[in-house]
Amino acid sequence: MQTLITPPPHDAPSLPYEEQVDHAREALPADLPDDPSKVLVALDVDGTLVTANGASENVRRTVASSIEAGINVVIATGRGVAATRPVFQELELPSGFSVSSNGAQIVRWERAQDGRHVYETLSETYFDPRAAVQAVLGVIPGTILGADGGDERMRVNQYFPPGELASVEDLHELEELLSFPTLRMVVRAPWLTRVEFEDALTSVDLSSVECAIGWTSWADLTAHGTTKAKGLETLVSDLGIDRRGTIAVGDGTNDIAMLEWAAHGVAMGTATPDIIAAANTTTGAVDHDGAAAVLDALLERY
């Protein structure tokens, strides 16, 4: 499975799995709905469900068992649909929903007879990235840009480093690139460190958009107010689920709004202090099956 840009190495302590389950059990809210169909678990992907080697057996087992129990498992990711599909294939999900492109696209997935997952877009939030892109180019000349239009192609002004995109790359001049309907604009400067990149972006006014900086010199821009939380709010409304039944697990800056929004937010063990502060509790690192421990604790309720 292609995991795109994976989390940096970490030195988080490796807790015994049962201890992680115990901690997750104690942290779960007492007032979760009795009906598992009224519970929704939003799971981030990179750094939460998958490592560079894909998903572990514990993650596959607990996700499958949660779905079998009737819990609504939603993939909540910064990935576009082309990179979300491999997650459904990796986890062998029969169907389900994703909040993709950091909340800009809500998608229903089904597994076709040939085993390939097909999707139906339920909602999309487009924006005009021109002003934000020009501001970024003013401080990071030569920035690599990728316009996510909600399909399986990424419109780019130059090619990304090999292996970073699951989408097919379509090369365009900058003016043409900025003319396409855009759900998410990827900003990439691989010659900068993460600190240099963040310093450059925070030096310009990007208040008209949402800007989520990744583990490296990568950022996603979406429409102002468009986050995973916003997408999940729309989805739970459509599914008739009360916020009391919402759980979110994540590790990145693009997960902060989602962790704050959920009735029970869980930060992965490698999350930075600002992300941990947005959550109600923490769990183990991705390579220690932290997300699976949360699901195992939840499954004891049902």
C-alpha atoms as a PDB file:
ATOM      1  CA  MET A   1       0.000   0.000   0.000  1.00  0.00           C
ATOM      2  CA  GLN A   2       1.306   3.429  -0.887  1.00  0.00           C
ATOM      3  CA  THR A   3       1.296   5.582   2.239  1.00  0.00           C
ATOM      4  CA  LEU A   4       2.599   8.791   0.640  1.00  0.00           C
ATOM      5  CA  ILE A   5       4.580  10.948   3.066  1.00  0.00           C
ATOM      6  CA  THR A   6       4.914   8.895   6.238  1.00  0.00           C
ATOM      7  CA  PRO A   7       5.459  10.189   9.791  1.00  0.00           C
ATOM      8  CA  PRO A   8       9.028  10.813  10.946  1.00  0.00           C
ATOM      9  CA  PRO A   9      10.720   8.292  13.247  1.00  0.00           C
ATOM     10  CA  HIS A  10       9.830   8.626  16.924  1.00  0.00           C
ATOM     11  CA  ASP A  11      11.013   7.470  20.316  1.00  0.00           C
ATOM     12  CA  ALA A  12       7.626   7.121  21.991  1.00  0.00           C
ATOM     13  CA  PRO A  13       7.659   4.296  24.557  1.00  0.00           C
ATOM     14  CA  SER A  14       6.170   0.999  23.470  1.00  0.00           C
ATOM     15  CA  LEU A  15       3.453   0.104  25.976  1.00  0.00           C
ATOM     16  CA  PRO A  16       2.072  -3.440  26.133  1.00  0.00           C
ATOM     17  CA  TYR A  17      -1.035  -3.611  23.983  1.00  0.00           C
ATOM     18  CA  GLU A  18      -3.315  -4.637  26.846  1.00  0.00           C
ATOM     19  CA  GLU A  19      -2.165  -1.603  28.824  1.00  0.00           C
ATOM     20  CA  GLN A  20      -3.162   0.602  25.903  1.00  0.00           C
ATOM     21  CA  VAL A  21      -6.593  -1.061  25.802  1.00  0.00           C
ATOM     22  CA  ASP A  22      -6.967  -0.560  29.552  1.00  0.00           C
ATOM     23  CA  HIS A  23      -6.136   3.127  29.207  1.00  0.00           C
ATOM     24  CA  ALA A  24      -8.553   3.526  26.292  1.00  0.00           C
ATOM     25  CA  ARG A  25     -11.310   1.737  28.234  1.00  0.00           C
ATOM     26  CA  GLU A  26     -10.931   4.046  31.224  1.00  0.00           C
ATOM     27  CA  ALA A  27     -10.965   7.132  29.003  1.00  0.00           C
ATOM     28  CA  LEU A  28     -14.101   6.300  26.995  1.00  0.00           C
ATOM     29  CA  PRO A  29     -17.141   8.411  27.907  1.00  0.00           C
ATOM     30  CA  ALA A  30     -19.686   6.677  30.105  1.00  0.00           C
ATOM     31  CA  ASP A  31     -22.615   8.097  28.150  1.00  0.00           C
ATOM     32  CA  LEU A  32     -21.906   6.630  24.723  1.00  0.00           C
ATOM     33  CA  PRO A  33     -25.137   5.524  23.003  1.00  0.00           C
ATOM     34  CA  ASP A  34     -26.258   1.968  23.755  1.00  0.00           C
ATOM     35  CA  ASP A  35     -26.982   1.439  20.050  1.00  0.00           C
ATOM     36  CA  PRO A  36     -23.717   0.968  18.091  1.00  0.00           C
ATOM     37  CA  SER A  37     -25.405   2.295  14.934  1.00  0.00           C
ATOM     38  CA  LYS A  38     -25.535   5.661  16.726  1.00  0.00           C
ATOM     39  CA  VAL A  39     -21.761   5.688  17.223  1.00  0.00           C
ATOM     40  CA  LEU A  40     -19.384   7.114  14.627  1.00  0.00           C
ATOM     41  CA  VAL A  41     -15.612   6.673  14.793  1.00  0.00           C
ATOM     42  CA  ALA A  42     -13.575   8.982  12.554  1.00  0.00           C
ATOM     43  CA  LEU A  43     -10.106   7.620  11.839  1.00  0.00           C
ATOM     44  CA  ASP A  44      -7.223   9.550  10.327  1.00  0.00           C
ATOM     45  CA  VAL A  45      -5.024   7.481   8.015  1.00  0.00           C
ATOM     46  CA  ASP A  46      -1.309   8.335   7.829  1.00  0.00           C
ATOM     47  CA  GLY A  47       0.278   8.152  11.254  1.00  0.00           C
ATOM     48  CA  THR A  48      -2.945   6.744  12.753  1.00  0.00           C
ATOM     49  CA  LEU A  49      -4.042   3.655  10.800  1.00  0.00           C
ATOM     50  CA  VAL A  50      -1.041   2.983   8.571  1.00  0.00           C
ATOM     51  CA  THR A  51       2.745   3.037   8.688  1.00  0.00           C
ATOM     52  CA  ALA A  52       5.065   2.890   5.703  1.00  0.00           C
ATOM     53  CA  ASN A  53       4.311  -0.852   5.665  1.00  0.00           C
ATOM     54  CA  GLY A  54       0.528  -0.445   5.638  1.00  0.00           C
ATOM     55  CA  ALA A  55      -2.002  -1.427   8.295  1.00  0.00           C
ATOM     56  CA  SER A  56      -1.224  -3.963  11.008  1.00  0.00           C
ATOM     57  CA  GLU A  57      -3.271  -7.091  11.646  1.00  0.00           C
ATOM     58  CA  ASN A  58      -4.644  -5.508  14.830  1.00  0.00           C
ATOM     59  CA  VAL A  59      -5.856  -2.469  12.896  1.00  0.00           C
ATOM     60  CA  ARG A  60      -7.481  -4.630  10.211  1.00  0.00           C
ATOM     61  CA  ARG A  61      -9.102  -6.858  12.825  1.00  0.00           C
ATOM     62  CA  THR A  62     -10.524  -4.072  14.980  1.00  0.00           C
ATOM     63  CA  VAL A  63     -11.800  -2.007  12.049  1.00  0.00           C
ATOM     64  CA  ALA A  64     -13.553  -5.071  10.606  1.00  0.00           C
ATOM     65  CA  SER A  65     -14.994  -6.028  13.999  1.00  0.00           C
ATOM     66  CA  SER A  66     -16.249  -2.478  14.585  1.00  0.00           C
ATOM     67  CA  ILE A  67     -18.104  -2.491  11.272  1.00  0.00           C
ATOM     68  CA  GLU A  68     -19.516  -5.958  12.000  1.00  0.00           C
ATOM     69  CA  ALA A  69     -20.760  -4.669  15.364  1.00  0.00           C
ATOM     70  CA  GLY A  70     -22.687  -1.903  13.583  1.00  0.00           C
ATOM     71  CA  ILE A  71     -20.397   1.015  14.455  1.00  0.00           C
ATOM     72  CA  ASN A  72     -20.035   3.670  11.744  1.00  0.00           C
ATOM     73  CA  VAL A  73     -16.329   3.739  10.846  1.00  0.00           C
ATOM     74  CA  VAL A  74     -15.402   6.783   8.745  1.00  0.00           C
ATOM     75  CA  ILE A  75     -12.039   7.412   7.116  1.00  0.00           C
ATOM     76  CA  ALA A  76     -11.156  11.070   7.753  1.00  0.00           C
ATOM     77  CA  THR A  77      -8.101  12.065   5.768  1.00  0.00           C
ATOM     78  CA  GLY A  78      -6.243  14.803   3.985  1.00  0.00           C
ATOM     79  CA  ARG A  79      -5.880  12.432   1.043  1.00  0.00           C
ATOM     80  CA  GLY A  80      -7.903  12.950  -2.114  1.00  0.00           C
ATOM     81  CA  VAL A  81     -10.055  10.151  -3.492  1.00  0.00           C
ATOM     82  CA  ALA A  82      -7.262   8.567  -5.522  1.00  0.00           C
ATOM     83  CA  ALA A  83      -5.225   8.078  -2.356  1.00  0.00           C
ATOM     84  CA  THR A  84      -8.247   7.235  -0.191  1.00  0.00           C
ATOM     85  CA  ARG A  85      -9.194   4.208  -2.322  1.00  0.00           C
ATOM     86  CA  PRO A  86      -6.075   2.205  -1.285  1.00  0.00           C
ATOM     87  CA  VAL A  87      -7.089   2.644   2.367  1.00  0.00           C
ATOM     88  CA  PHE A  88     -10.409   0.884   1.725  1.00  0.00           C
ATOM     89  CA  GLN A  89      -8.555  -1.830  -0.173  1.00  0.00           C
ATOM     90  CA  GLU A  90      -5.870  -2.205   2.509  1.00  0.00           C
ATOM     91  CA  LEU A  91      -8.489  -2.551   5.245  1.00  0.00           C
ATOM     92  CA  GLU A  92     -10.681  -4.770   3.026  1.00  0.00           C
ATOM     93  CA  LEU A  93     -13.719  -2.612   3.755  1.00  0.00           C
ATOM     94  CA  PRO A  94     -16.894  -3.698   1.965  1.00  0.00           C
ATOM     95  CA  SER A  95     -18.307  -0.158   1.918  1.00  0.00           C
ATOM     96  CA  GLY A  96     -18.344   3.014   3.934  1.00  0.00           C
ATOM     97  CA  PHE A  97     -17.790   6.744   4.000  1.00  0.00           C
ATOM     98  CA  SER A  98     -14.761   8.962   3.830  1.00  0.00           C
ATOM     99  CA  VAL A  99     -14.245  12.607   4.630  1.00  0.00           C
ATOM    100  CA  SER A 100     -11.448  13.234   2.146  1.00  0.00           C
ATOM    101  CA  SER A 101      -9.317  16.244   1.166  1.00  0.00           C
ATOM    102  CA  ASN A 102      -9.473  17.520   4.761  1.00  0.00           C
ATOM    103  CA  GLY A 103     -13.249  17.736   4.725  1.00  0.00           C
ATOM    104  CA  ALA A 104     -13.686  19.281   1.300  1.00  0.00           C
ATOM    105  CA  GLN A 105     -15.171  16.065  -0.125  1.00  0.00           C
ATOM    106  CA  ILE A 106     -17.591  13.604   1.490  1.00  0.00           C
ATOM    107  CA  VAL A 107     -17.660  10.271  -0.300  1.00  0.00           C
ATOM    108  CA  ARG A 108     -19.592   7.000  -0.150  1.00  0.00           C
ATOM    109  CA  TRP A 109     -17.560   3.937  -1.166  1.00  0.00           C
ATOM    110  CA  GLU A 110     -18.703   0.507  -2.370  1.00  0.00           C
ATOM    111  CA  ARG A 111     -16.661  -2.540  -3.352  1.00  0.00           C
ATOM    112  CA  ALA A 112     -17.480  -3.604  -6.905  1.00  0.00           C
ATOM    113  CA  GLN A 113     -17.630  -7.212  -8.087  1.00  0.00           C
ATOM    114  CA  ASP A 114     -14.052  -6.984  -9.369  1.00  0.00           C
ATOM    115  CA  GLY A 115     -12.883  -6.020  -5.863  1.00  0.00           C
ATOM    116  CA  ARG A 116     -12.105  -2.425  -6.776  1.00  0.00           C
ATOM    117  CA  HIS A 117     -13.732   0.271  -4.682  1.00  0.00           C
ATOM    118  CA  VAL A 118     -15.882   2.789  -6.515  1.00  0.00           C
ATOM    119  CA  TYR A 119     -17.139   6.023  -5.064  1.00  0.00           C
ATOM    120  CA  GLU A 120     -20.004   8.487  -5.144  1.00  0.00           C
ATOM    121  CA  THR A 121     -19.332  12.069  -4.111  1.00  0.00           C
ATOM    122  CA  LEU A 122     -21.961  13.325  -1.665  1.00  0.00           C
ATOM    123  CA  SER A 123     -20.690  16.875  -1.206  1.00  0.00           C
ATOM    124  CA  GLU A 124     -17.807  19.084  -2.319  1.00  0.00           C
ATOM    125  CA  THR A 125     -16.504  22.451  -1.142  1.00  0.00           C
ATOM    126  CA  TYR A 126     -14.503  24.354  -3.748  1.00  0.00           C
ATOM    127  CA  PHE A 127     -12.538  27.564  -3.292  1.00  0.00           C
ATOM    128  CA  ASP A 128     -10.460  30.069  -5.261  1.00  0.00           C
ATOM    129  CA  PRO A 129      -6.829  29.448  -4.250  1.00  0.00           C
ATOM    130  CA  ARG A 130      -5.337  32.312  -6.269  1.00  0.00           C
ATOM    131  CA  ALA A 131      -4.704  34.844  -3.487  1.00  0.00           C
ATOM    132  CA  ALA A 132      -3.295  32.249  -1.074  1.00  0.00           C
ATOM    133  CA  VAL A 133      -1.042  30.724  -3.737  1.00  0.00           C
ATOM    134  CA  GLN A 134       0.332  34.111  -4.754  1.00  0.00           C
ATOM    135  CA  ALA A 135       1.091  34.859  -1.093  1.00  0.00           C
ATOM    136  CA  VAL A 136       2.937  31.537  -0.751  1.00  0.00           C
ATOM    137  CA  LEU A 137       4.911  32.071  -3.956  1.00  0.00           C
ATOM    138  CA  GLY A 138       5.970  35.458  -2.612  1.00  0.00           C
ATOM    139  CA  VAL A 139       7.881  33.826   0.247  1.00  0.00           C
ATOM    140  CA  ILE A 140       8.683  30.422  -1.303  1.00  0.00           C
ATOM    141  CA  PRO A 141       9.502  30.967  -4.989  1.00  0.00           C
ATOM    142  CA  GLY A 142       9.377  27.779  -7.018  1.00  0.00           C
ATOM    143  CA  THR A 143       6.791  26.102  -4.787  1.00  0.00           C
ATOM    144  CA  ILE A 144       5.378  22.855  -6.177  1.00  0.00           C
ATOM    145  CA  LEU A 145       1.593  23.125  -6.366  1.00  0.00           C
ATOM    146  CA  GLY A 146      -1.074  20.473  -6.782  1.00  0.00           C
ATOM    147  CA  ALA A 147      -4.744  21.298  -7.369  1.00  0.00           C
ATOM    148  CA  ASP A 148      -7.117  18.568  -6.171  1.00  0.00           C
ATOM    149  CA  GLY A 149     -10.303  18.792  -8.209  1.00  0.00           C
ATOM    150  CA  GLY A 150     -12.085  15.885  -6.561  1.00  0.00           C
ATOM    151  CA  ASP A 151     -11.200  13.223  -9.116  1.00  0.00           C
ATOM    152  CA  GLU A 152      -8.270  10.869  -9.641  1.00  0.00           C
ATOM    153  CA  ARG A 153      -5.942  13.436 -11.214  1.00  0.00           C
ATOM    154  CA  MET A 154      -3.798  16.102  -9.578  1.00  0.00           C
ATOM    155  CA  ARG A 155      -3.201  19.231 -11.655  1.00  0.00           C
ATOM    156  CA  VAL A 156       0.372  20.361 -10.946  1.00  0.00           C
ATOM    157  CA  ASN A 157       2.666  23.202 -11.959  1.00  0.00           C
ATOM    158  CA  GLN A 158       5.669  20.849 -11.697  1.00  0.00           C
ATOM    159  CA  TYR A 159       6.051  17.223 -10.765  1.00  0.00           C
ATOM    160  CA  PHE A 160       6.134  16.163  -7.115  1.00  0.00           C
ATOM    161  CA  PRO A 161       8.996  14.033  -5.772  1.00  0.00           C
ATOM    162  CA  PRO A 162       8.532  10.381  -6.831  1.00  0.00           C
ATOM    163  CA  GLY A 163       6.105   8.366  -4.735  1.00  0.00           C
ATOM    164  CA  GLU A 164       4.417  11.282  -2.975  1.00  0.00           C
ATOM    165  CA  LEU A 165       1.167  11.307  -4.953  1.00  0.00           C
ATOM    166  CA  ALA A 166      -1.238   8.476  -5.674  1.00  0.00           C
ATOM    167  CA  SER A 167      -3.041  10.625  -8.245  1.00  0.00           C
ATOM    168  CA  VAL A 168      -2.089  10.890 -11.892  1.00  0.00           C
ATOM    169  CA  GLU A 169      -0.207  14.180 -12.344  1.00  0.00           C
ATOM    170  CA  ASP A 170      -1.353  16.579 -15.084  1.00  0.00           C
ATOM    171  CA  LEU A 171       1.201  19.306 -15.801  1.00  0.00           C
ATOM    172  CA  HIS A 172      -0.114  22.862 -16.359  1.00  0.00           C
ATOM    173  CA  GLU A 173       1.155  26.427 -16.441  1.00  0.00           C
ATOM    174  CA  LEU A 174       0.438  28.309 -13.219  1.00  0.00           C
ATOM    175  CA  GLU A 175      -2.351  30.496 -14.596  1.00  0.00           C
ATOM    176  CA  GLU A 176      -4.159  27.511 -16.055  1.00  0.00           C
ATOM    177  CA  LEU A 177      -3.643  25.538 -12.820  1.00  0.00           C
ATOM    178  CA  LEU A 178      -5.304  28.305 -10.802  1.00  0.00           C
ATOM    179  CA  SER A 179      -8.311  28.366 -13.122  1.00  0.00           C
ATOM    180  CA  PHE A 180      -9.451  24.816 -12.263  1.00  0.00           C
ATOM    181  CA  PRO A 181     -12.187  24.177  -9.655  1.00  0.00           C
ATOM    182  CA  THR A 182     -10.175  23.286  -6.549  1.00  0.00           C
ATOM    183  CA  LEU A 183     -11.118  21.374  -3.400  1.00  0.00           C
ATOM    184  CA  ARG A 184      -7.612  21.366  -1.955  1.00  0.00           C
ATOM    185  CA  MET A 185      -4.365  22.994  -3.012  1.00  0.00           C
ATOM    186  CA  VAL A 186      -1.217  21.129  -2.019  1.00  0.00           C
ATOM    187  CA  VAL A 187       1.837  23.294  -1.374  1.00  0.00           C
ATOM    188  CA  ARG A 188       5.192  21.476  -1.377  1.00  0.00           C
ATOM    189  CA  ALA A 189       8.781  22.731  -1.007  1.00  0.00           C
ATOM    190  CA  PRO A 190      11.024  19.675  -0.531  1.00  0.00           C
ATOM    191  CA  TRP A 191      14.208  21.789  -0.384  1.00  0.00           C
ATOM    192  CA  LEU A 192      13.057  23.382   2.895  1.00  0.00           C
ATOM    193  CA  THR A 193      13.006  21.861   6.351  1.00  0.00           C
ATOM    194  CA  ARG A 194       9.668  21.610   8.069  1.00  0.00           C
ATOM    195  CA  VAL A 195      10.612  24.508  10.386  1.00  0.00           C
ATOM    196  CA  GLU A 196      11.730  26.723   7.495  1.00  0.00           C
ATOM    197  CA  PHE A 197       8.545  25.900   5.621  1.00  0.00           C
ATOM    198  CA  GLU A 198       6.276  26.676   8.563  1.00  0.00           C
ATOM    199  CA  ASP A 199       8.124  29.942   9.284  1.00  0.00           C
ATOM    200  CA  ALA A 200       7.628  31.017   5.671  1.00  0.00           C
ATOM    201  CA  LEU A 201       3.909  30.191   5.642  1.00  0.00           C
ATOM    202  CA  THR A 202       3.220  31.856   8.970  1.00  0.00           C
ATOM    203  CA  SER A 203       4.906  35.028   7.722  1.00  0.00           C
ATOM    204  CA  VAL A 204       2.111  35.697   5.203  1.00  0.00           C
ATOM    205  CA  ASP A 205      -1.623  36.200   5.598  1.00  0.00           C
ATOM    206  CA  LEU A 206      -3.428  32.948   4.880  1.00  0.00           C
ATOM    207  CA  SER A 207      -6.460  33.772   7.028  1.00  0.00           C
ATOM    208  CA  SER A 208      -8.778  33.505   4.019  1.00  0.00           C
ATOM    209  CA  VAL A 209      -8.135  29.726   3.816  1.00  0.00           C
ATOM    210  CA  GLU A 210      -7.545  26.746   6.066  1.00  0.00           C
ATOM    211  CA  CYS A 211      -3.847  25.803   6.087  1.00  0.00           C
ATOM    212  CA  ALA A 212      -2.755  22.438   7.516  1.00  0.00           C
ATOM    213  CA  ILE A 213       0.999  21.825   7.600  1.00  0.00           C
ATOM    214  CA  GLY A 214       2.144  18.210   7.536  1.00  0.00           C
ATOM    215  CA  TRP A 215       5.161  16.422   9.003  1.00  0.00           C
ATOM    216  CA  THR A 216       7.438  17.862   6.349  1.00  0.00           C
ATOM    217  CA  SER A 217       7.421  20.851   3.980  1.00  0.00           C
ATOM    218  CA  TRP A 218       3.914  20.031   2.770  1.00  0.00           C
ATOM    219  CA  ALA A 219       0.709  21.970   3.401  1.00  0.00           C
ATOM    220  CA  ASP A 220      -2.915  21.579   2.356  1.00  0.00           C
ATOM    221  CA  LEU A 221      -5.023  24.655   1.655  1.00  0.00           C
ATOM    222  CA  THR A 222      -8.817  24.393   1.663  1.00  0.00           C
ATOM    223  CA  ALA A 223     -11.698  26.839   1.783  1.00  0.00           C
ATOM    224  CA  HIS A 224     -11.998  28.890   4.960  1.00  0.00           C
ATOM    225  CA  GLY A 225     -13.933  26.838   7.522  1.00  0.00           C
ATOM    226  CA  THR A 226     -13.452  23.585   5.611  1.00  0.00           C
ATOM    227  CA  THR A 227     -11.956  20.966   7.923  1.00  0.00           C
ATOM    228  CA  LYS A 228     -12.422  17.311   8.766  1.00  0.00           C
ATOM    229  CA  ALA A 229     -14.696  18.481  11.580  1.00  0.00           C
ATOM    230  CA  LYS A 230     -16.921  20.360   9.159  1.00  0.00           C
ATOM    231  CA  GLY A 231     -17.198  17.328   6.893  1.00  0.00           C
ATOM    232  CA  LEU A 232     -17.976  15.047   9.816  1.00  0.00           C
ATOM    233  CA  GLU A 233     -20.618  17.463  11.100  1.00  0.00           C
ATOM    234  CA  THR A 234     -22.369  17.205   7.735  1.00  0.00           C
ATOM    235  CA  LEU A 235     -22.079  13.418   7.701  1.00  0.00           C
ATOM    236  CA  VAL A 236     -23.435  12.829  11.220  1.00  0.00           C
ATOM    237  CA  SER A 237     -26.370  15.093  10.409  1.00  0.00           C
ATOM    238  CA  ASP A 238     -27.150  13.022   7.315  1.00  0.00           C
ATOM    239  CA  LEU A 239     -26.799   9.760   9.263  1.00  0.00           C
ATOM    240  CA  GLY A 240     -28.883  10.928  12.217  1.00  0.00           C
ATOM    241  CA  ILE A 241     -26.069  10.521  14.730  1.00  0.00           C
ATOM    242  CA  ASP A 242     -25.834  12.753  17.787  1.00  0.00           C
ATOM    243  CA  ARG A 243     -22.490  14.330  18.636  1.00  0.00           C
ATOM    244  CA  ARG A 244     -22.586  12.360  21.903  1.00  0.00           C
ATOM    245  CA  GLY A 245     -21.767   9.282  19.848  1.00  0.00           C
ATOM    246  CA  THR A 246     -18.725  10.662  18.016  1.00  0.00           C
ATOM    247  CA  ILE A 247     -15.128   9.541  18.512  1.00  0.00           C
ATOM    248  CA  ALA A 248     -12.139  10.803  16.512  1.00  0.00           C
ATOM    249  CA  VAL A 249      -8.560   9.506  16.397  1.00  0.00           C
ATOM    250  CA  GLY A 250      -5.709  11.418  14.747  1.00  0.00           C
ATOM    251  CA  ASP A 251      -2.170  12.696  14.972  1.00  0.00           C
ATOM    252  CA  GLY A 252      -1.715  15.711  12.658  1.00  0.00           C
ATOM    253  CA  THR A 253      -2.414  19.427  12.593  1.00  0.00           C
ATOM    254  CA  ASN A 254      -5.251  18.728  10.157  1.00  0.00           C
ATOM    255  CA  ASP A 255      -6.838  16.601  12.914  1.00  0.00           C
ATOM    256  CA  ILE A 256      -7.035  19.350  15.550  1.00  0.00           C
ATOM    257  CA  ALA A 257     -10.494  20.613  14.552  1.00  0.00           C
ATOM    258  CA  MET A 258     -11.779  17.024  14.353  1.00  0.00           C
ATOM    259  CA  LEU A 259     -10.403  16.118  17.794  1.00  0.00           C
ATOM    260  CA  GLU A 260     -11.960  19.234  19.310  1.00  0.00           C
ATOM    261  CA  TRP A 261     -15.288  18.586  17.570  1.00  0.00           C
ATOM    262  CA  ALA A 262     -15.746  14.943  18.592  1.00  0.00           C
ATOM    263  CA  ALA A 263     -17.356  14.033  21.894  1.00  0.00           C
ATOM    264  CA  HIS A 264     -14.232  11.944  22.504  1.00  0.00           C
ATOM    265  CA  GLY A 265     -11.007  12.967  20.772  1.00  0.00           C
ATOM    266  CA  VAL A 266      -7.981  10.663  20.923  1.00  0.00           C
ATOM    267  CA  ALA A 267      -4.490  11.839  19.925  1.00  0.00           C
ATOM    268  CA  MET A 268      -1.897   9.327  18.815  1.00  0.00           C
ATOM    269  CA  GLY A 269       1.167   8.867  20.993  1.00  0.00           C
ATOM    270  CA  THR A 270       3.454  10.712  18.591  1.00  0.00           C
ATOM    271  CA  ALA A 271       1.255  13.812  18.351  1.00  0.00           C
ATOM    272  CA  THR A 272       2.735  17.193  19.233  1.00  0.00           C
ATOM    273  CA  PRO A 273       1.547  19.094  22.334  1.00  0.00           C
ATOM    274  CA  ASP A 274      -0.896  21.309  20.411  1.00  0.00           C
ATOM    275  CA  ILE A 275      -2.620  18.240  18.973  1.00  0.00           C
ATOM    276  CA  ILE A 276      -2.688  16.451  22.340  1.00  0.00           C
ATOM    277  CA  ALA A 277      -4.216  19.578  23.882  1.00  0.00           C
ATOM    278  CA  ALA A 278      -7.105  19.369  21.380  1.00  0.00           C
ATOM    279  CA  ALA A 279      -7.936  15.794  22.419  1.00  0.00           C
ATOM    280  CA  ASN A 280      -9.553  14.269  25.483  1.00  0.00           C
ATOM    281  CA  THR A 281      -6.924  11.563  25.821  1.00  0.00           C
ATOM    282  CA  THR A 282      -4.026   9.851  24.054  1.00  0.00           C
ATOM    283  CA  THR A 283      -3.230   6.362  22.831  1.00  0.00           C
ATOM    284  CA  GLY A 284      -0.135   4.564  21.578  1.00  0.00           C
ATOM    285  CA  ALA A 285       1.807   5.356  18.421  1.00  0.00           C
ATOM    286  CA  VAL A 286       0.700   4.031  15.036  1.00  0.00           C
ATOM    287  CA  ASP A 287       3.375   1.320  15.026  1.00  0.00           C
ATOM    288  CA  HIS A 288       2.245   0.315  18.520  1.00  0.00           C
ATOM    289  CA  ASP A 289      -1.381  -0.149  17.362  1.00  0.00           C
ATOM    290  CA  GLY A 290      -2.742   2.793  19.341  1.00  0.00           C
ATOM    291  CA  ALA A 291      -5.836   3.201  17.156  1.00  0.00           C
ATOM    292  CA  ALA A 292      -6.611  -0.514  17.375  1.00  0.00           C
ATOM    293  CA  ALA A 293      -6.467  -0.310  21.178  1.00  0.00           C
ATOM    294  CA  VAL A 294      -9.141   2.411  21.123  1.00  0.00           C
ATOM    295  CA  LEU A 295     -11.350   0.260  18.898  1.00  0.00           C
ATOM    296  CA  ASP A 296     -10.845  -2.838  21.067  1.00  0.00           C
ATOM    297  CA  ALA A 297     -11.912  -0.858  24.130  1.00  0.00           C
ATOM    298  CA  LEU A 298     -14.948   0.459  22.281  1.00  0.00           C
ATOM    299  CA  LEU A 299     -15.921  -3.020  21.088  1.00  0.00           C
ATOM    300  CA  GLU A 300     -16.207  -4.173  24.704  1.00  0.00           C
ATOM    301  CA  ARG A 301     -19.257  -1.899  24.959  1.00  0.00           C
ATOM    302  CA  TYR A 302     -21.014  -3.692  22.099  1.00  0.00           C
END
